[in-house]
């Protein structure tokens, strides 16, 4: 399930574009690529959803904290303030400190703008889906499918490859791919119906 270099770069470009800050776009892309490779160096088989989530967070932290004249350590409280949600419950921050940080940050610099996303690009919600559901599906893939079936499902549903592309990649006829995919999907459906 390892992401290719081209997929990592494309993902980082899409995420950086969504933050609507052309002056910092190349830096955001580079921050994202660096974070993706940090994850892969620690966890070579990291799931693409984990890489996406961590890269998005790194880009968010860069644009909201790394681009300011002063150093703002990324924390849950700082992120909440940057999003305009105020001081989260249970935070150890004083109100005066939060107000000073908001003044230094200067408002909504680096706001995430979904209107800039074209219809053919999935939103983070669509890509990641519900975390719990994704974990159940991932576990079902690991538990119920053999390696070849898991690879086929990954190529078809995570890589969005056509059956012809999978056929070429694996050196198997398209009809065999179709039958194997049908069998794997039935196994997953049966396993998931029991869990959900």
N, C-alpha and C. Protein backbone atom coordinates (compact mmCIF):
# COMPACT_ATOMS: atom_id res chain seq x y z
N UNK A 1 0.82 -1.20 0.00
CA UNK A 1 0.00 0.00 0.00
C UNK A 1 0.86 1.26 0.00
N UNK A 2 2.14 1.12 -0.33
CA UNK A 2 3.05 2.26 -0.30
C UNK A 2 2.71 3.24 -1.42
N UNK A 3 2.73 4.51 -1.09
CA UNK A 3 2.44 5.56 -2.07
C UNK A 3 3.70 5.81 -2.91
N UNK A 4 3.50 6.11 -4.19
CA UNK A 4 4.62 6.43 -5.06
C UNK A 4 5.00 7.89 -4.86
N UNK A 5 6.19 8.24 -5.35
CA UNK A 5 6.65 9.62 -5.25
C UNK A 5 5.69 10.57 -5.95
N UNK A 6 5.20 10.17 -7.12
CA UNK A 6 4.27 11.03 -7.88
C UNK A 6 2.97 11.24 -7.10
N UNK A 7 2.49 10.20 -6.43
CA UNK A 7 1.25 10.32 -5.64
C UNK A 7 1.45 11.25 -4.44
N UNK A 8 2.62 11.16 -3.81
CA UNK A 8 2.92 12.03 -2.66
C UNK A 8 2.96 13.49 -3.11
N UNK A 9 3.64 13.75 -4.22
CA UNK A 9 3.75 15.12 -4.73
C UNK A 9 2.38 15.66 -5.11
N UNK A 10 1.58 14.85 -5.80
CA UNK A 10 0.24 15.29 -6.23
C UNK A 10 -0.64 15.59 -5.01
N UNK A 11 -0.58 14.73 -3.99
CA UNK A 11 -1.36 14.95 -2.78
C UNK A 11 -0.94 16.27 -2.11
N UNK A 12 0.36 16.51 -2.01
CA UNK A 12 0.86 17.73 -1.37
C UNK A 12 0.47 18.97 -2.17
N UNK A 13 0.51 18.88 -3.50
CA UNK A 13 0.09 20.01 -4.33
C UNK A 13 -1.38 20.34 -4.12
N UNK A 14 -2.22 19.31 -4.07
CA UNK A 14 -3.66 19.53 -3.86
C UNK A 14 -3.93 20.15 -2.49
N UNK A 15 -3.26 19.64 -1.47
CA UNK A 15 -3.48 20.20 -0.13
C UNK A 15 -3.00 21.65 -0.06
N UNK A 16 -1.83 21.93 -0.61
CA UNK A 16 -1.30 23.30 -0.57
C UNK A 16 -2.22 24.26 -1.32
N UNK A 17 -2.78 23.83 -2.43
CA UNK A 17 -3.67 24.67 -3.22
C UNK A 17 -4.90 25.07 -2.42
N UNK A 18 -5.37 24.19 -1.58
CA UNK A 18 -6.59 24.45 -0.81
C UNK A 18 -6.42 25.55 0.24
N UNK A 19 -5.21 25.87 0.61
CA UNK A 19 -5.00 26.89 1.64
C UNK A 19 -4.98 28.30 1.08
N UNK A 20 -5.11 28.47 -0.23
CA UNK A 20 -5.28 29.78 -0.85
C UNK A 20 -4.21 30.78 -0.43
N UNK A 21 -2.97 30.39 -0.53
CA UNK A 21 -1.86 31.29 -0.22
C UNK A 21 -0.76 31.06 -1.25
N UNK A 22 -0.91 31.65 -2.45
CA UNK A 22 0.04 31.40 -3.54
C UNK A 22 1.49 31.74 -3.18
N UNK A 23 1.70 32.73 -2.35
CA UNK A 23 3.06 33.13 -1.99
C UNK A 23 3.80 32.03 -1.22
N UNK A 24 3.08 31.21 -0.52
CA UNK A 24 3.69 30.16 0.29
C UNK A 24 3.46 28.76 -0.28
N UNK A 25 2.83 28.65 -1.45
CA UNK A 25 2.41 27.35 -1.96
C UNK A 25 3.57 26.37 -2.14
N UNK A 26 4.67 26.79 -2.74
CA UNK A 26 5.80 25.87 -2.94
C UNK A 26 6.39 25.42 -1.61
N UNK A 27 6.45 26.32 -0.63
CA UNK A 27 6.96 25.93 0.69
C UNK A 27 6.02 24.93 1.36
N UNK A 28 4.71 25.14 1.20
CA UNK A 28 3.75 24.20 1.78
C UNK A 28 3.91 22.81 1.15
N UNK A 29 4.09 22.78 -0.17
CA UNK A 29 4.29 21.50 -0.86
C UNK A 29 5.53 20.81 -0.33
N UNK A 30 6.61 21.56 -0.17
CA UNK A 30 7.86 20.97 0.33
C UNK A 30 7.70 20.47 1.76
N UNK A 31 7.01 21.24 2.60
CA UNK A 31 6.75 20.79 3.97
C UNK A 31 5.98 19.47 3.97
N UNK A 32 4.98 19.39 3.10
CA UNK A 32 4.18 18.17 3.00
C UNK A 32 5.01 16.98 2.54
N UNK A 33 5.84 17.18 1.53
CA UNK A 33 6.68 16.09 1.03
C UNK A 33 7.65 15.61 2.10
N UNK A 34 8.25 16.55 2.81
CA UNK A 34 9.18 16.18 3.88
C UNK A 34 8.46 15.36 4.94
N UNK A 35 7.25 15.78 5.33
CA UNK A 35 6.50 15.05 6.36
C UNK A 35 6.13 13.65 5.86
N UNK A 36 5.74 13.52 4.61
CA UNK A 36 5.38 12.21 4.06
C UNK A 36 6.58 11.27 4.14
N UNK A 37 7.75 11.76 3.79
CA UNK A 37 8.94 10.90 3.83
C UNK A 37 9.41 10.63 5.25
N UNK A 38 9.16 11.56 6.17
CA UNK A 38 9.46 11.28 7.59
C UNK A 38 8.61 10.10 8.07
N UNK A 39 7.33 10.12 7.72
CA UNK A 39 6.43 9.03 8.12
C UNK A 39 6.89 7.72 7.50
N UNK A 40 7.20 7.77 6.21
CA UNK A 40 7.60 6.54 5.51
C UNK A 40 8.94 6.00 6.02
N UNK A 41 9.81 6.87 6.51
CA UNK A 41 11.08 6.37 7.05
C UNK A 41 10.85 5.67 8.39
N UNK A 42 9.86 6.12 9.15
CA UNK A 42 9.54 5.48 10.43
C UNK A 42 8.65 4.27 10.24
N UNK A 43 7.77 4.33 9.25
CA UNK A 43 6.74 3.32 9.04
C UNK A 43 6.59 3.09 7.52
N UNK A 44 7.46 2.25 6.92
CA UNK A 44 7.47 2.09 5.46
C UNK A 44 6.14 1.69 4.85
N UNK A 45 5.30 0.98 5.57
CA UNK A 45 4.01 0.55 5.04
C UNK A 45 2.86 1.38 5.60
N UNK A 46 3.12 2.63 5.92
CA UNK A 46 2.08 3.50 6.49
C UNK A 46 0.92 3.61 5.51
N UNK A 47 -0.28 3.61 6.04
CA UNK A 47 -1.50 3.71 5.23
C UNK A 47 -1.57 5.11 4.60
N UNK A 48 -2.00 5.22 3.35
CA UNK A 48 -2.10 6.52 2.69
C UNK A 48 -2.96 7.53 3.47
N UNK A 49 -3.99 7.06 4.17
CA UNK A 49 -4.84 7.98 4.94
C UNK A 49 -4.04 8.61 6.08
N UNK A 50 -3.16 7.85 6.71
CA UNK A 50 -2.33 8.40 7.78
C UNK A 50 -1.37 9.44 7.21
N UNK A 51 -0.78 9.13 6.07
CA UNK A 51 0.14 10.08 5.45
C UNK A 51 -0.61 11.36 5.09
N UNK A 52 -1.79 11.22 4.50
CA UNK A 52 -2.61 12.38 4.13
C UNK A 52 -2.90 13.25 5.35
N UNK A 53 -3.34 12.61 6.41
CA UNK A 53 -3.72 13.33 7.63
C UNK A 53 -2.52 14.09 8.21
N UNK A 54 -1.37 13.43 8.28
CA UNK A 54 -0.18 14.05 8.85
C UNK A 54 0.39 15.15 7.96
N UNK A 55 0.34 14.95 6.64
CA UNK A 55 0.81 15.98 5.72
C UNK A 55 -0.09 17.21 5.80
N UNK A 56 -1.40 16.99 5.86
CA UNK A 56 -2.33 18.11 5.99
C UNK A 56 -2.06 18.90 7.27
N UNK A 57 -1.79 18.19 8.35
CA UNK A 57 -1.50 18.87 9.62
C UNK A 57 -0.20 19.67 9.53
N UNK A 58 0.83 19.09 8.90
CA UNK A 58 2.11 19.81 8.76
C UNK A 58 1.92 21.07 7.94
N UNK A 59 1.17 20.97 6.82
CA UNK A 59 0.94 22.15 5.99
C UNK A 59 0.14 23.20 6.76
N UNK A 60 -0.87 22.75 7.49
CA UNK A 60 -1.67 23.67 8.31
C UNK A 60 -0.79 24.38 9.33
N UNK A 61 0.05 23.61 10.02
CA UNK A 61 0.94 24.21 11.02
C UNK A 61 1.92 25.18 10.36
N UNK A 62 2.43 24.84 9.19
CA UNK A 62 3.36 25.72 8.51
C UNK A 62 2.70 27.05 8.17
N UNK A 63 1.52 27.00 7.56
CA UNK A 63 0.88 28.22 7.10
C UNK A 63 0.35 29.07 8.26
N UNK A 64 -0.07 28.43 9.34
CA UNK A 64 -0.64 29.19 10.45
C UNK A 64 0.37 29.53 11.55
N UNK A 65 1.47 28.81 11.60
CA UNK A 65 2.44 29.08 12.66
C UNK A 65 3.85 29.36 12.13
N UNK A 66 4.25 28.72 11.06
CA UNK A 66 5.61 28.85 10.56
C UNK A 66 5.87 30.09 9.74
N UNK A 67 4.86 30.76 9.26
CA UNK A 67 5.03 31.92 8.38
C UNK A 67 4.98 33.26 9.11
N UNK A 68 4.89 33.23 10.41
CA UNK A 68 4.80 34.48 11.16
C UNK A 68 6.18 34.98 11.57
N UNK A 69 6.25 36.28 11.84
CA UNK A 69 7.52 36.88 12.22
C UNK A 69 8.02 36.36 13.56
N UNK A 70 7.12 35.84 14.38
CA UNK A 70 7.54 35.26 15.64
C UNK A 70 7.26 33.76 15.62
N UNK A 71 7.92 33.04 16.46
CA UNK A 71 7.77 31.59 16.49
C UNK A 71 6.57 31.21 17.36
N UNK A 72 5.62 30.51 16.77
CA UNK A 72 4.43 30.07 17.49
C UNK A 72 4.48 28.55 17.54
N UNK A 73 4.66 27.98 18.72
CA UNK A 73 4.72 26.52 18.79
C UNK A 73 3.34 25.92 18.51
N UNK A 74 3.27 24.98 17.57
CA UNK A 74 1.96 24.38 17.29
C UNK A 74 1.46 23.55 18.47
N UNK A 75 0.28 23.84 18.91
CA UNK A 75 -0.34 23.09 20.00
C UNK A 75 -1.84 23.06 19.74
N UNK A 76 -2.56 22.24 20.47
CA UNK A 76 -4.01 22.18 20.28
C UNK A 76 -4.66 23.53 20.55
N UNK A 77 -4.17 24.24 21.56
CA UNK A 77 -4.73 25.55 21.88
C UNK A 77 -4.45 26.55 20.75
N UNK A 78 -3.22 26.57 20.24
CA UNK A 78 -2.88 27.48 19.15
C UNK A 78 -3.69 27.16 17.90
N UNK A 79 -3.86 25.88 17.60
CA UNK A 79 -4.67 25.49 16.45
C UNK A 79 -6.13 25.94 16.62
N UNK A 80 -6.66 25.78 17.81
CA UNK A 80 -8.04 26.19 18.09
C UNK A 80 -8.19 27.70 17.90
N UNK A 81 -7.22 28.45 18.38
CA UNK A 81 -7.26 29.91 18.22
C UNK A 81 -7.16 30.30 16.75
N UNK A 82 -6.29 29.63 16.00
CA UNK A 82 -6.13 29.93 14.58
C UNK A 82 -7.42 29.67 13.81
N UNK A 83 -8.20 28.71 14.26
CA UNK A 83 -9.47 28.38 13.60
C UNK A 83 -10.61 29.26 14.08
N UNK A 84 -10.33 30.14 15.04
CA UNK A 84 -11.35 31.04 15.54
C UNK A 84 -12.29 30.40 16.54
N UNK A 85 -11.87 29.30 17.16
CA UNK A 85 -12.74 28.58 18.09
C UNK A 85 -12.50 28.95 19.55
N UNK A 86 -11.56 29.83 19.80
CA UNK A 86 -11.28 30.24 21.17
C UNK A 86 -10.41 29.24 21.91
N UNK A 87 -10.31 29.44 23.21
CA UNK A 87 -9.49 28.56 24.04
C UNK A 87 -10.27 27.29 24.34
N UNK A 88 -9.69 26.12 23.99
CA UNK A 88 -10.42 24.88 24.26
C UNK A 88 -10.54 24.60 25.75
N UNK A 89 -11.59 23.91 26.10
CA UNK A 89 -11.82 23.55 27.50
C UNK A 89 -10.67 22.69 28.00
N UNK A 90 -10.20 22.98 29.19
CA UNK A 90 -9.11 22.23 29.79
C UNK A 90 -7.73 22.75 29.43
N UNK A 91 -7.66 23.83 28.64
CA UNK A 91 -6.37 24.39 28.25
C UNK A 91 -5.74 25.11 29.44
N UNK A 92 -4.44 25.06 29.50
CA UNK A 92 -3.73 25.74 30.59
C UNK A 92 -3.38 27.19 30.22
N UNK A 93 -3.79 27.65 29.07
CA UNK A 93 -3.47 28.99 28.62
C UNK A 93 -4.29 30.04 29.36
N UNK A 94 -3.66 31.15 29.66
CA UNK A 94 -4.36 32.29 30.24
C UNK A 94 -5.05 33.06 29.12
N UNK A 95 -6.16 33.71 29.43
CA UNK A 95 -6.90 34.48 28.44
C UNK A 95 -6.03 35.55 27.81
N UNK A 96 -5.19 36.21 28.62
CA UNK A 96 -4.31 37.26 28.11
C UNK A 96 -3.32 36.71 27.09
N UNK A 97 -2.81 35.51 27.34
CA UNK A 97 -1.85 34.89 26.42
C UNK A 97 -2.53 34.55 25.10
N UNK A 98 -3.75 34.06 25.19
CA UNK A 98 -4.50 33.71 23.98
C UNK A 98 -4.79 34.96 23.15
N UNK A 99 -5.19 36.04 23.83
CA UNK A 99 -5.47 37.28 23.12
C UNK A 99 -4.20 37.84 22.47
N UNK A 100 -3.07 37.74 23.15
CA UNK A 100 -1.80 38.21 22.59
C UNK A 100 -1.42 37.39 21.36
N UNK A 101 -1.63 36.09 21.43
CA UNK A 101 -1.32 35.23 20.30
C UNK A 101 -2.22 35.56 19.11
N UNK A 102 -3.51 35.75 19.36
CA UNK A 102 -4.42 36.12 18.27
C UNK A 102 -4.00 37.42 17.61
N UNK A 103 -3.59 38.39 18.42
CA UNK A 103 -3.11 39.66 17.86
C UNK A 103 -1.88 39.45 17.00
N UNK A 104 -0.96 38.60 17.45
CA UNK A 104 0.27 38.34 16.70
C UNK A 104 -0.02 37.58 15.41
N UNK A 105 -0.99 36.72 15.46
CA UNK A 105 -1.32 35.92 14.27
C UNK A 105 -2.05 36.74 13.22
N UNK A 106 -2.66 37.81 13.63
CA UNK A 106 -3.28 38.73 12.68
C UNK A 106 -4.51 38.19 11.97
N UNK A 107 -5.32 37.44 12.64
CA UNK A 107 -6.60 37.04 12.05
C UNK A 107 -6.57 35.70 11.35
N UNK A 108 -7.14 35.67 10.15
CA UNK A 108 -7.38 34.40 9.48
C UNK A 108 -6.37 34.09 8.38
N UNK A 109 -5.14 34.43 8.57
CA UNK A 109 -4.08 34.13 7.62
C UNK A 109 -4.02 32.62 7.37
N UNK A 110 -4.07 32.22 6.12
CA UNK A 110 -3.98 30.81 5.80
C UNK A 110 -5.28 30.05 5.94
N UNK A 111 -6.39 30.74 5.78
CA UNK A 111 -7.69 30.08 5.91
C UNK A 111 -7.88 29.01 4.83
N UNK A 112 -8.42 27.92 5.22
CA UNK A 112 -8.71 26.81 4.30
C UNK A 112 -9.94 27.15 3.50
N UNK A 113 -9.87 27.08 2.18
CA UNK A 113 -10.98 27.52 1.33
C UNK A 113 -11.44 26.39 0.41
N UNK A 114 -12.53 25.72 0.78
CA UNK A 114 -13.07 24.63 -0.03
C UNK A 114 -13.60 25.10 -1.37
N UNK A 115 -13.93 26.38 -1.51
CA UNK A 115 -14.48 26.87 -2.78
C UNK A 115 -13.43 26.83 -3.89
N UNK A 116 -12.15 26.74 -3.52
CA UNK A 116 -11.10 26.67 -4.52
C UNK A 116 -10.90 25.27 -5.07
N UNK A 117 -11.55 24.31 -4.49
CA UNK A 117 -11.39 22.93 -4.89
C UNK A 117 -12.36 22.63 -6.02
N UNK A 118 -11.83 22.10 -7.10
CA UNK A 118 -12.72 21.75 -8.21
C UNK A 118 -13.49 20.49 -7.84
N UNK A 119 -14.54 20.24 -8.58
CA UNK A 119 -15.42 19.11 -8.28
C UNK A 119 -14.74 17.76 -8.41
N UNK A 120 -13.67 17.68 -9.21
CA UNK A 120 -13.03 16.39 -9.42
C UNK A 120 -11.99 16.06 -8.35
N UNK A 121 -11.77 16.96 -7.39
CA UNK A 121 -10.84 16.70 -6.30
C UNK A 121 -11.63 16.40 -5.03
N UNK A 122 -11.32 15.28 -4.43
CA UNK A 122 -12.04 14.85 -3.23
C UNK A 122 -11.69 15.75 -2.06
N UNK A 123 -12.68 16.03 -1.22
CA UNK A 123 -12.44 16.79 -0.01
C UNK A 123 -11.75 15.89 1.00
N UNK A 124 -11.13 16.45 2.03
CA UNK A 124 -10.50 15.60 3.05
C UNK A 124 -11.49 14.63 3.67
N UNK A 125 -12.73 15.06 3.84
CA UNK A 125 -13.74 14.18 4.42
C UNK A 125 -14.00 12.98 3.52
N UNK A 126 -14.05 13.24 2.20
CA UNK A 126 -14.29 12.15 1.26
C UNK A 126 -13.10 11.21 1.20
N UNK A 127 -11.89 11.77 1.28
CA UNK A 127 -10.69 10.94 1.19
C UNK A 127 -10.51 10.10 2.44
N UNK A 128 -10.65 10.71 3.55
CA UNK A 128 -10.40 9.99 4.80
C UNK A 128 -11.60 9.20 5.30
N UNK A 129 -12.78 9.73 4.98
CA UNK A 129 -13.99 9.08 5.48
C UNK A 129 -14.02 9.12 7.00
N UNK A 130 -14.90 8.44 7.52
CA UNK A 130 -15.00 8.33 8.96
C UNK A 130 -13.87 7.45 9.47
N UNK A 131 -13.11 7.93 10.44
CA UNK A 131 -11.92 7.22 10.94
C UNK A 131 -12.26 5.81 11.44
N UNK A 132 -13.30 5.71 12.19
CA UNK A 132 -13.67 4.40 12.73
C UNK A 132 -14.03 3.43 11.61
N UNK A 133 -14.79 3.90 10.65
CA UNK A 133 -15.18 3.06 9.52
C UNK A 133 -13.96 2.64 8.71
N UNK A 134 -13.03 3.56 8.52
CA UNK A 134 -11.81 3.24 7.78
C UNK A 134 -10.99 2.18 8.51
N UNK A 135 -10.94 2.26 9.84
CA UNK A 135 -10.21 1.26 10.61
C UNK A 135 -10.88 -0.11 10.49
N UNK A 136 -12.19 -0.15 10.52
CA UNK A 136 -12.92 -1.42 10.39
C UNK A 136 -12.66 -2.03 9.01
N UNK A 137 -12.70 -1.20 7.98
CA UNK A 137 -12.46 -1.69 6.62
C UNK A 137 -11.02 -2.18 6.48
N UNK A 138 -10.07 -1.42 6.99
CA UNK A 138 -8.66 -1.83 6.92
C UNK A 138 -8.44 -3.15 7.64
N UNK A 139 -9.05 -3.28 8.80
CA UNK A 139 -8.90 -4.53 9.56
C UNK A 139 -9.54 -5.70 8.81
N UNK A 140 -10.68 -5.47 8.18
CA UNK A 140 -11.34 -6.53 7.40
C UNK A 140 -10.46 -6.95 6.22
N UNK A 141 -9.82 -5.98 5.58
CA UNK A 141 -8.91 -6.29 4.47
C UNK A 141 -7.77 -7.17 4.97
N UNK A 142 -7.18 -6.79 6.11
CA UNK A 142 -6.07 -7.57 6.66
C UNK A 142 -6.50 -8.96 7.11
N UNK A 143 -7.68 -9.05 7.72
CA UNK A 143 -8.14 -10.32 8.28
C UNK A 143 -8.70 -11.29 7.25
N UNK A 144 -9.41 -10.78 6.26
CA UNK A 144 -10.20 -11.64 5.38
C UNK A 144 -9.61 -11.85 3.98
N UNK A 145 -8.71 -11.00 3.54
CA UNK A 145 -8.19 -11.11 2.18
C UNK A 145 -6.75 -11.58 2.18
N UNK A 146 -6.39 -12.38 1.16
CA UNK A 146 -4.99 -12.75 1.03
C UNK A 146 -4.24 -11.58 0.40
N UNK A 147 -2.94 -11.68 0.29
CA UNK A 147 -2.12 -10.57 -0.20
C UNK A 147 -2.50 -10.10 -1.59
N UNK A 148 -2.78 -11.04 -2.50
CA UNK A 148 -3.15 -10.67 -3.87
C UNK A 148 -4.49 -9.94 -3.91
N UNK A 149 -5.45 -10.42 -3.12
CA UNK A 149 -6.76 -9.76 -3.07
C UNK A 149 -6.64 -8.36 -2.47
N UNK A 150 -5.85 -8.24 -1.42
CA UNK A 150 -5.66 -6.93 -0.78
C UNK A 150 -5.00 -5.95 -1.76
N UNK A 151 -4.02 -6.43 -2.51
CA UNK A 151 -3.35 -5.58 -3.50
C UNK A 151 -4.35 -5.13 -4.57
N UNK A 152 -5.17 -6.05 -5.02
CA UNK A 152 -6.18 -5.74 -6.03
C UNK A 152 -7.15 -4.68 -5.52
N UNK A 153 -7.65 -4.84 -4.31
CA UNK A 153 -8.57 -3.85 -3.72
C UNK A 153 -7.87 -2.50 -3.58
N UNK A 154 -6.61 -2.52 -3.15
CA UNK A 154 -5.86 -1.27 -3.01
C UNK A 154 -5.74 -0.56 -4.37
N UNK A 155 -5.35 -1.32 -5.38
CA UNK A 155 -5.16 -0.71 -6.70
C UNK A 155 -6.47 -0.16 -7.26
N UNK A 156 -7.55 -0.90 -7.07
CA UNK A 156 -8.83 -0.48 -7.64
C UNK A 156 -9.48 0.66 -6.86
N UNK A 157 -9.46 0.59 -5.54
CA UNK A 157 -10.24 1.54 -4.75
C UNK A 157 -9.41 2.63 -4.09
N UNK A 158 -8.14 2.39 -3.85
CA UNK A 158 -7.30 3.44 -3.26
C UNK A 158 -6.51 4.18 -4.33
N UNK A 159 -6.08 3.45 -5.36
CA UNK A 159 -5.34 4.06 -6.45
C UNK A 159 -6.24 4.48 -7.60
N UNK A 160 -7.52 4.09 -7.56
CA UNK A 160 -8.49 4.41 -8.61
C UNK A 160 -8.04 3.93 -9.99
N UNK A 161 -7.41 2.78 -10.02
CA UNK A 161 -6.98 2.21 -11.30
C UNK A 161 -8.15 1.45 -11.92
N UNK A 162 -8.21 1.45 -13.25
CA UNK A 162 -9.23 0.69 -13.95
C UNK A 162 -8.84 -0.78 -13.93
N UNK A 163 -9.78 -1.65 -14.27
CA UNK A 163 -9.46 -3.07 -14.34
C UNK A 163 -8.40 -3.32 -15.42
N UNK A 164 -8.46 -2.59 -16.51
CA UNK A 164 -7.45 -2.75 -17.56
C UNK A 164 -6.06 -2.35 -17.06
N UNK A 165 -5.99 -1.26 -16.28
CA UNK A 165 -4.70 -0.82 -15.74
C UNK A 165 -4.16 -1.85 -14.75
N UNK A 166 -5.02 -2.38 -13.90
CA UNK A 166 -4.61 -3.42 -12.95
C UNK A 166 -4.15 -4.66 -13.70
N UNK A 167 -4.88 -5.00 -14.75
CA UNK A 167 -4.54 -6.15 -15.58
C UNK A 167 -3.14 -6.00 -16.17
N UNK A 168 -2.85 -4.83 -16.71
CA UNK A 168 -1.52 -4.58 -17.27
C UNK A 168 -0.44 -4.63 -16.20
N UNK A 169 -0.73 -4.04 -15.05
CA UNK A 169 0.24 -3.99 -13.95
C UNK A 169 0.57 -5.38 -13.41
N UNK A 170 -0.45 -6.23 -13.27
CA UNK A 170 -0.25 -7.55 -12.67
C UNK A 170 -0.01 -8.65 -13.70
N UNK A 171 -0.20 -8.36 -14.98
CA UNK A 171 0.01 -9.36 -16.01
C UNK A 171 -1.05 -10.45 -16.00
N UNK A 172 -2.27 -10.09 -15.66
CA UNK A 172 -3.41 -11.01 -15.61
C UNK A 172 -4.49 -10.45 -16.52
N UNK A 173 -5.31 -11.31 -17.09
CA UNK A 173 -6.36 -10.81 -17.98
C UNK A 173 -7.37 -9.96 -17.21
N UNK A 174 -8.04 -9.07 -17.94
CA UNK A 174 -9.03 -8.20 -17.32
C UNK A 174 -10.18 -9.02 -16.74
N UNK A 175 -10.53 -10.11 -17.41
CA UNK A 175 -11.61 -10.96 -16.92
C UNK A 175 -11.23 -11.60 -15.58
N UNK A 176 -9.97 -12.02 -15.46
CA UNK A 176 -9.50 -12.61 -14.19
C UNK A 176 -9.51 -11.55 -13.09
N UNK A 177 -9.12 -10.33 -13.44
CA UNK A 177 -9.15 -9.23 -12.46
C UNK A 177 -10.59 -9.01 -12.00
N UNK A 178 -11.52 -8.99 -12.94
CA UNK A 178 -12.93 -8.77 -12.62
C UNK A 178 -13.45 -9.84 -11.66
N UNK A 179 -13.14 -11.09 -11.94
CA UNK A 179 -13.60 -12.19 -11.08
C UNK A 179 -12.97 -12.12 -9.69
N UNK A 180 -11.67 -11.85 -9.64
CA UNK A 180 -10.98 -11.76 -8.35
C UNK A 180 -11.49 -10.59 -7.53
N UNK A 181 -11.75 -9.48 -8.22
CA UNK A 181 -12.28 -8.30 -7.51
C UNK A 181 -13.66 -8.61 -6.94
N UNK A 182 -14.51 -9.25 -7.72
CA UNK A 182 -15.84 -9.61 -7.27
C UNK A 182 -15.77 -10.51 -6.04
N UNK A 183 -14.88 -11.51 -6.08
CA UNK A 183 -14.70 -12.43 -4.96
C UNK A 183 -14.21 -11.67 -3.71
N UNK A 184 -13.23 -10.78 -3.88
CA UNK A 184 -12.69 -10.02 -2.75
C UNK A 184 -13.73 -9.09 -2.16
N UNK A 185 -14.50 -8.43 -3.00
CA UNK A 185 -15.54 -7.51 -2.52
C UNK A 185 -16.61 -8.27 -1.75
N UNK A 186 -16.97 -9.46 -2.25
CA UNK A 186 -17.96 -10.28 -1.53
C UNK A 186 -17.44 -10.68 -0.16
N UNK A 187 -16.16 -11.06 -0.07
CA UNK A 187 -15.57 -11.42 1.22
C UNK A 187 -15.63 -10.24 2.18
N UNK A 188 -15.26 -9.06 1.67
CA UNK A 188 -15.27 -7.86 2.52
C UNK A 188 -16.69 -7.51 2.95
N UNK A 189 -17.63 -7.56 2.02
CA UNK A 189 -19.02 -7.24 2.35
C UNK A 189 -19.52 -8.16 3.47
N UNK A 190 -19.24 -9.45 3.34
CA UNK A 190 -19.68 -10.43 4.34
C UNK A 190 -19.05 -10.12 5.70
N UNK A 191 -17.75 -9.81 5.71
CA UNK A 191 -17.05 -9.50 6.96
C UNK A 191 -17.58 -8.20 7.58
N UNK A 192 -17.81 -7.21 6.74
CA UNK A 192 -18.25 -5.89 7.23
C UNK A 192 -19.69 -5.93 7.72
N UNK A 193 -20.53 -6.72 7.11
CA UNK A 193 -21.92 -6.82 7.58
C UNK A 193 -21.97 -7.38 8.99
N UNK A 194 -21.03 -8.24 9.31
CA UNK A 194 -20.97 -8.81 10.68
C UNK A 194 -20.51 -7.76 11.69
N UNK A 195 -19.61 -6.86 11.25
CA UNK A 195 -19.02 -5.89 12.17
C UNK A 195 -19.85 -4.63 12.33
N UNK A 196 -20.59 -4.27 11.30
CA UNK A 196 -21.33 -2.99 11.37
C UNK A 196 -22.72 -3.15 11.83
